[in-house]
Amino acid sequence: MSQIERIKQAIMADPQNASYTEQSIEPLFAAPKTARINIIGQAPGLKTQEAGLYWKDKSGDRLREWLGVDEDTFYKSGYFAVMPMDFYFPGHGK
């Protein structure tokens, strides 16, 4: 098991994340070894959590536009790491 997979398993095993793990919701982050840009942002929104993919909403469209990259480059190139302030949608008004 890779270090990243161990980190992911630790996030999912945290008692504070039990409700997400029970629903088979995986933490949203990316940390490829090849990343050249690390995007640190807020916790994922409900749309991204439902999609199971970070920045998969209108704010992600805007971010990719600002970066000048398309979805394939953003998600599949390995150039971008994504580290949110929380790994799950925290709910409205929290």
N, C-alpha and C. Protein backbone atom coordinates (compact mmCIF):
# COMPACT_ATOMS: atom_id res chain seq x y z
N MET A 1 0.85 -1.18 0.00
CA MET A 1 0.00 0.00 0.00
C MET A 1 0.90 1.24 0.00
N SER A 2 0.57 2.19 -0.85
CA SER A 2 1.36 3.41 -0.96
C SER A 2 1.13 4.32 0.25
N GLN A 3 2.03 5.26 0.42
CA GLN A 3 1.89 6.23 1.52
C GLN A 3 0.59 7.02 1.38
N ILE A 4 0.27 7.43 0.16
CA ILE A 4 -0.98 8.18 -0.07
C ILE A 4 -2.19 7.33 0.28
N GLU A 5 -2.16 6.05 -0.07
CA GLU A 5 -3.28 5.16 0.26
C GLU A 5 -3.40 5.00 1.78
N ARG A 6 -2.28 4.92 2.48
CA ARG A 6 -2.32 4.84 3.95
C ARG A 6 -2.92 6.11 4.55
N ILE A 7 -2.56 7.26 3.99
CA ILE A 7 -3.13 8.52 4.46
C ILE A 7 -4.64 8.54 4.22
N LYS A 8 -5.05 8.13 3.04
CA LYS A 8 -6.48 8.08 2.72
C LYS A 8 -7.22 7.16 3.70
N GLN A 9 -6.65 5.99 3.98
CA GLN A 9 -7.28 5.06 4.92
C GLN A 9 -7.36 5.66 6.32
N ALA A 10 -6.33 6.39 6.73
CA ALA A 10 -6.35 7.04 8.05
C ALA A 10 -7.44 8.11 8.13
N ILE A 11 -7.60 8.86 7.05
CA ILE A 11 -8.67 9.88 7.01
C ILE A 11 -10.02 9.20 7.15
N MET A 12 -10.22 8.11 6.42
CA MET A 12 -11.50 7.41 6.45
C MET A 12 -11.74 6.73 7.80
N ALA A 13 -10.67 6.33 8.50
CA ALA A 13 -10.81 5.65 9.78
C ALA A 13 -11.03 6.62 10.94
N ASP A 14 -10.80 7.90 10.72
CA ASP A 14 -10.98 8.89 11.79
C ASP A 14 -12.44 8.88 12.24
N PRO A 15 -12.70 8.77 13.54
CA PRO A 15 -14.08 8.73 14.04
C PRO A 15 -14.92 9.93 13.60
N GLN A 16 -14.30 11.09 13.41
CA GLN A 16 -15.05 12.26 12.96
C GLN A 16 -15.57 12.10 11.53
N ASN A 17 -15.00 11.17 10.79
CA ASN A 17 -15.41 10.95 9.40
C ASN A 17 -16.25 9.69 9.23
N ALA A 18 -16.67 9.09 10.33
CA ALA A 18 -17.39 7.82 10.28
C ALA A 18 -18.65 7.89 9.42
N SER A 19 -19.40 8.97 9.52
CA SER A 19 -20.66 9.05 8.75
C SER A 19 -20.39 9.04 7.25
N TYR A 20 -19.27 9.63 6.83
CA TYR A 20 -18.92 9.62 5.40
C TYR A 20 -18.44 8.24 4.98
N THR A 21 -17.59 7.64 5.80
CA THR A 21 -17.06 6.31 5.49
C THR A 21 -18.19 5.30 5.40
N GLU A 22 -19.16 5.39 6.31
CA GLU A 22 -20.31 4.47 6.30
C GLU A 22 -21.12 4.60 5.02
N GLN A 23 -21.10 5.78 4.41
CA GLN A 23 -21.83 6.01 3.16
C GLN A 23 -20.94 5.75 1.93
N SER A 24 -19.74 5.23 2.16
CA SER A 24 -18.77 4.95 1.09
C SER A 24 -18.33 6.22 0.36
N ILE A 25 -18.32 7.34 1.07
CA ILE A 25 -17.84 8.60 0.50
C ILE A 25 -16.35 8.69 0.79
N GLU A 26 -15.57 8.82 -0.26
CA GLU A 26 -14.12 8.89 -0.09
C GLU A 26 -13.66 10.34 0.05
N PRO A 27 -12.58 10.56 0.79
CA PRO A 27 -12.06 11.92 0.93
C PRO A 27 -11.60 12.47 -0.41
N LEU A 28 -11.84 13.75 -0.63
CA LEU A 28 -11.49 14.39 -1.90
C LEU A 28 -10.18 15.16 -1.75
N PHE A 29 -9.14 14.63 -2.36
CA PHE A 29 -7.84 15.28 -2.42
C PHE A 29 -7.02 14.57 -3.49
N ALA A 30 -5.94 15.18 -3.87
CA ALA A 30 -5.03 14.55 -4.84
C ALA A 30 -3.61 14.98 -4.50
N ALA A 31 -2.70 14.03 -4.58
CA ALA A 31 -1.30 14.35 -4.27
C ALA A 31 -0.36 13.50 -5.12
N PRO A 32 -0.43 13.66 -6.44
CA PRO A 32 0.49 12.88 -7.27
C PRO A 32 1.94 13.32 -7.07
N LYS A 33 2.85 12.37 -7.15
CA LYS A 33 4.28 12.68 -6.99
C LYS A 33 4.77 13.65 -8.05
N THR A 34 4.10 13.68 -9.17
CA THR A 34 4.52 14.52 -10.30
C THR A 34 3.96 15.93 -10.24
N ALA A 35 3.16 16.24 -9.21
CA ALA A 35 2.51 17.56 -9.12
C ALA A 35 3.52 18.69 -9.08
N ARG A 36 3.20 19.74 -9.80
CA ARG A 36 4.01 20.96 -9.81
C ARG A 36 3.28 22.13 -9.17
N ILE A 37 1.96 22.00 -9.05
CA ILE A 37 1.13 23.04 -8.47
C ILE A 37 0.26 22.40 -7.40
N ASN A 38 0.25 22.97 -6.19
CA ASN A 38 -0.60 22.49 -5.11
C ASN A 38 -1.69 23.52 -4.86
N ILE A 39 -2.92 23.10 -5.05
CA ILE A 39 -4.06 23.98 -4.84
C ILE A 39 -4.64 23.69 -3.46
N ILE A 40 -4.62 24.69 -2.60
CA ILE A 40 -5.17 24.56 -1.26
C ILE A 40 -6.44 25.38 -1.23
N GLY A 41 -7.54 24.74 -0.88
CA GLY A 41 -8.82 25.43 -0.92
C GLY A 41 -9.73 25.02 0.22
N GLN A 42 -10.94 25.50 0.14
CA GLN A 42 -11.94 25.19 1.15
C GLN A 42 -12.39 23.75 1.01
N ALA A 43 -13.20 23.32 1.96
CA ALA A 43 -13.77 21.98 1.91
C ALA A 43 -14.61 21.84 0.65
N PRO A 44 -14.74 20.63 0.14
CA PRO A 44 -15.52 20.43 -1.08
C PRO A 44 -16.99 20.79 -0.87
N GLY A 45 -17.62 21.24 -1.93
CA GLY A 45 -19.04 21.51 -1.90
C GLY A 45 -19.83 20.22 -2.12
N LEU A 46 -21.13 20.31 -1.95
CA LEU A 46 -21.99 19.14 -2.10
C LEU A 46 -21.90 18.56 -3.51
N LYS A 47 -21.87 19.42 -4.54
CA LYS A 47 -21.81 18.93 -5.92
C LYS A 47 -20.54 18.13 -6.17
N THR A 48 -19.42 18.61 -5.65
CA THR A 48 -18.17 17.88 -5.87
C THR A 48 -18.16 16.56 -5.10
N GLN A 49 -18.72 16.58 -3.89
CA GLN A 49 -18.79 15.34 -3.13
C GLN A 49 -19.67 14.32 -3.84
N GLU A 50 -20.81 14.78 -4.36
CA GLU A 50 -21.70 13.87 -5.09
C GLU A 50 -21.03 13.34 -6.35
N ALA A 51 -20.22 14.18 -7.00
CA ALA A 51 -19.50 13.75 -8.21
C ALA A 51 -18.31 12.86 -7.86
N GLY A 52 -17.84 12.95 -6.61
CA GLY A 52 -16.68 12.17 -6.20
C GLY A 52 -15.38 12.69 -6.80
N LEU A 53 -15.38 13.97 -7.17
CA LEU A 53 -14.21 14.56 -7.82
C LEU A 53 -14.08 16.01 -7.39
N TYR A 54 -12.93 16.36 -6.84
CA TYR A 54 -12.67 17.71 -6.36
C TYR A 54 -12.78 18.73 -7.50
N TRP A 55 -13.24 19.92 -7.18
CA TRP A 55 -13.39 21.04 -8.11
C TRP A 55 -14.26 20.68 -9.32
N LYS A 56 -15.26 19.82 -9.11
CA LYS A 56 -16.16 19.43 -10.21
C LYS A 56 -17.47 20.19 -10.07
N ASP A 57 -17.36 21.52 -10.19
CA ASP A 57 -18.52 22.39 -10.10
C ASP A 57 -18.18 23.70 -10.80
N LYS A 58 -19.05 24.70 -10.67
CA LYS A 58 -18.81 25.98 -11.35
C LYS A 58 -17.52 26.65 -10.87
N SER A 59 -17.23 26.54 -9.58
CA SER A 59 -15.98 27.14 -9.10
C SER A 59 -14.77 26.44 -9.71
N GLY A 60 -14.88 25.15 -9.96
CA GLY A 60 -13.81 24.42 -10.63
C GLY A 60 -13.66 24.85 -12.07
N ASP A 61 -14.79 25.10 -12.74
CA ASP A 61 -14.73 25.62 -14.11
C ASP A 61 -13.97 26.94 -14.13
N ARG A 62 -14.28 27.80 -13.17
CA ARG A 62 -13.63 29.11 -13.08
C ARG A 62 -12.14 28.94 -12.77
N LEU A 63 -11.81 28.06 -11.85
CA LEU A 63 -10.41 27.82 -11.50
C LEU A 63 -9.61 27.34 -12.71
N ARG A 64 -10.16 26.37 -13.43
CA ARG A 64 -9.46 25.86 -14.62
C ARG A 64 -9.30 26.94 -15.68
N GLU A 65 -10.30 27.82 -15.78
CA GLU A 65 -10.19 28.93 -16.73
C GLU A 65 -9.05 29.86 -16.30
N TRP A 66 -8.99 30.19 -15.02
CA TRP A 66 -7.91 31.05 -14.52
C TRP A 66 -6.54 30.41 -14.77
N LEU A 67 -6.47 29.09 -14.58
CA LEU A 67 -5.21 28.38 -14.77
C LEU A 67 -4.86 28.18 -16.24
N GLY A 68 -5.87 28.32 -17.10
CA GLY A 68 -5.65 28.13 -18.53
C GLY A 68 -5.48 26.67 -18.91
N VAL A 69 -6.19 25.77 -18.20
CA VAL A 69 -6.11 24.34 -18.49
C VAL A 69 -7.50 23.76 -18.68
N ASP A 70 -7.58 22.69 -19.46
CA ASP A 70 -8.85 22.00 -19.63
C ASP A 70 -9.00 20.91 -18.55
N GLU A 71 -10.17 20.26 -18.52
CA GLU A 71 -10.43 19.25 -17.49
C GLU A 71 -9.44 18.10 -17.55
N ASP A 72 -9.12 17.62 -18.75
CA ASP A 72 -8.17 16.51 -18.86
C ASP A 72 -6.83 16.86 -18.25
N THR A 73 -6.33 18.04 -18.55
CA THR A 73 -5.04 18.46 -18.00
C THR A 73 -5.13 18.59 -16.49
N PHE A 74 -6.21 19.17 -16.00
CA PHE A 74 -6.37 19.39 -14.57
C PHE A 74 -6.45 18.07 -13.80
N TYR A 75 -7.25 17.14 -14.30
CA TYR A 75 -7.50 15.90 -13.56
C TYR A 75 -6.54 14.76 -13.89
N LYS A 76 -5.99 14.73 -15.09
CA LYS A 76 -5.25 13.54 -15.53
C LYS A 76 -3.76 13.75 -15.79
N SER A 77 -3.29 14.99 -15.78
CA SER A 77 -1.89 15.23 -16.14
C SER A 77 -0.91 14.89 -15.03
N GLY A 78 -1.38 14.88 -13.78
CA GLY A 78 -0.48 14.66 -12.66
C GLY A 78 0.26 15.92 -12.24
N TYR A 79 -0.07 17.05 -12.86
CA TYR A 79 0.60 18.32 -12.53
C TYR A 79 0.00 19.02 -11.32
N PHE A 80 -1.22 18.64 -10.95
CA PHE A 80 -1.94 19.37 -9.90
C PHE A 80 -2.21 18.50 -8.68
N ALA A 81 -1.81 19.00 -7.52
CA ALA A 81 -2.20 18.40 -6.25
C ALA A 81 -3.32 19.27 -5.68
N VAL A 82 -4.23 18.66 -4.95
CA VAL A 82 -5.35 19.39 -4.36
C VAL A 82 -5.45 19.00 -2.89
N MET A 83 -5.36 20.00 -2.02
CA MET A 83 -5.45 19.77 -0.59
C MET A 83 -6.50 20.71 0.00
N PRO A 84 -7.70 20.18 0.30
CA PRO A 84 -8.75 21.02 0.87
C PRO A 84 -8.56 21.19 2.38
N MET A 85 -9.26 22.16 2.93
CA MET A 85 -9.21 22.40 4.38
C MET A 85 -9.96 21.30 5.13
N ASP A 86 -10.84 20.61 4.45
CA ASP A 86 -11.51 19.41 4.96
C ASP A 86 -11.70 18.50 3.77
N PHE A 87 -11.80 17.22 4.00
CA PHE A 87 -11.86 16.26 2.91
C PHE A 87 -13.28 15.92 2.47
N TYR A 88 -14.27 16.45 3.20
CA TYR A 88 -15.67 16.15 2.93
C TYR A 88 -16.49 17.43 2.98
N PHE A 89 -17.68 17.38 2.36
CA PHE A 89 -18.63 18.49 2.44
C PHE A 89 -19.11 18.59 3.89
N PRO A 90 -18.88 19.73 4.56
CA PRO A 90 -19.21 19.84 5.98
C PRO A 90 -20.67 20.13 6.27
N GLY A 91 -21.46 20.40 5.25
CA GLY A 91 -22.84 20.77 5.46
C GLY A 91 -23.02 22.26 5.26
N HIS A 92 -24.24 22.67 5.16
CA HIS A 92 -24.54 24.09 4.93
C HIS A 92 -24.40 24.87 6.23
N GLY A 93 -23.79 26.04 6.14
CA GLY A 93 -23.69 26.95 7.27
C GLY A 93 -22.72 26.54 8.36
N LYS A 94 -21.77 25.66 8.03
CA LYS A 94 -20.80 25.23 9.05
C LYS A 94 -19.47 25.85 8.76
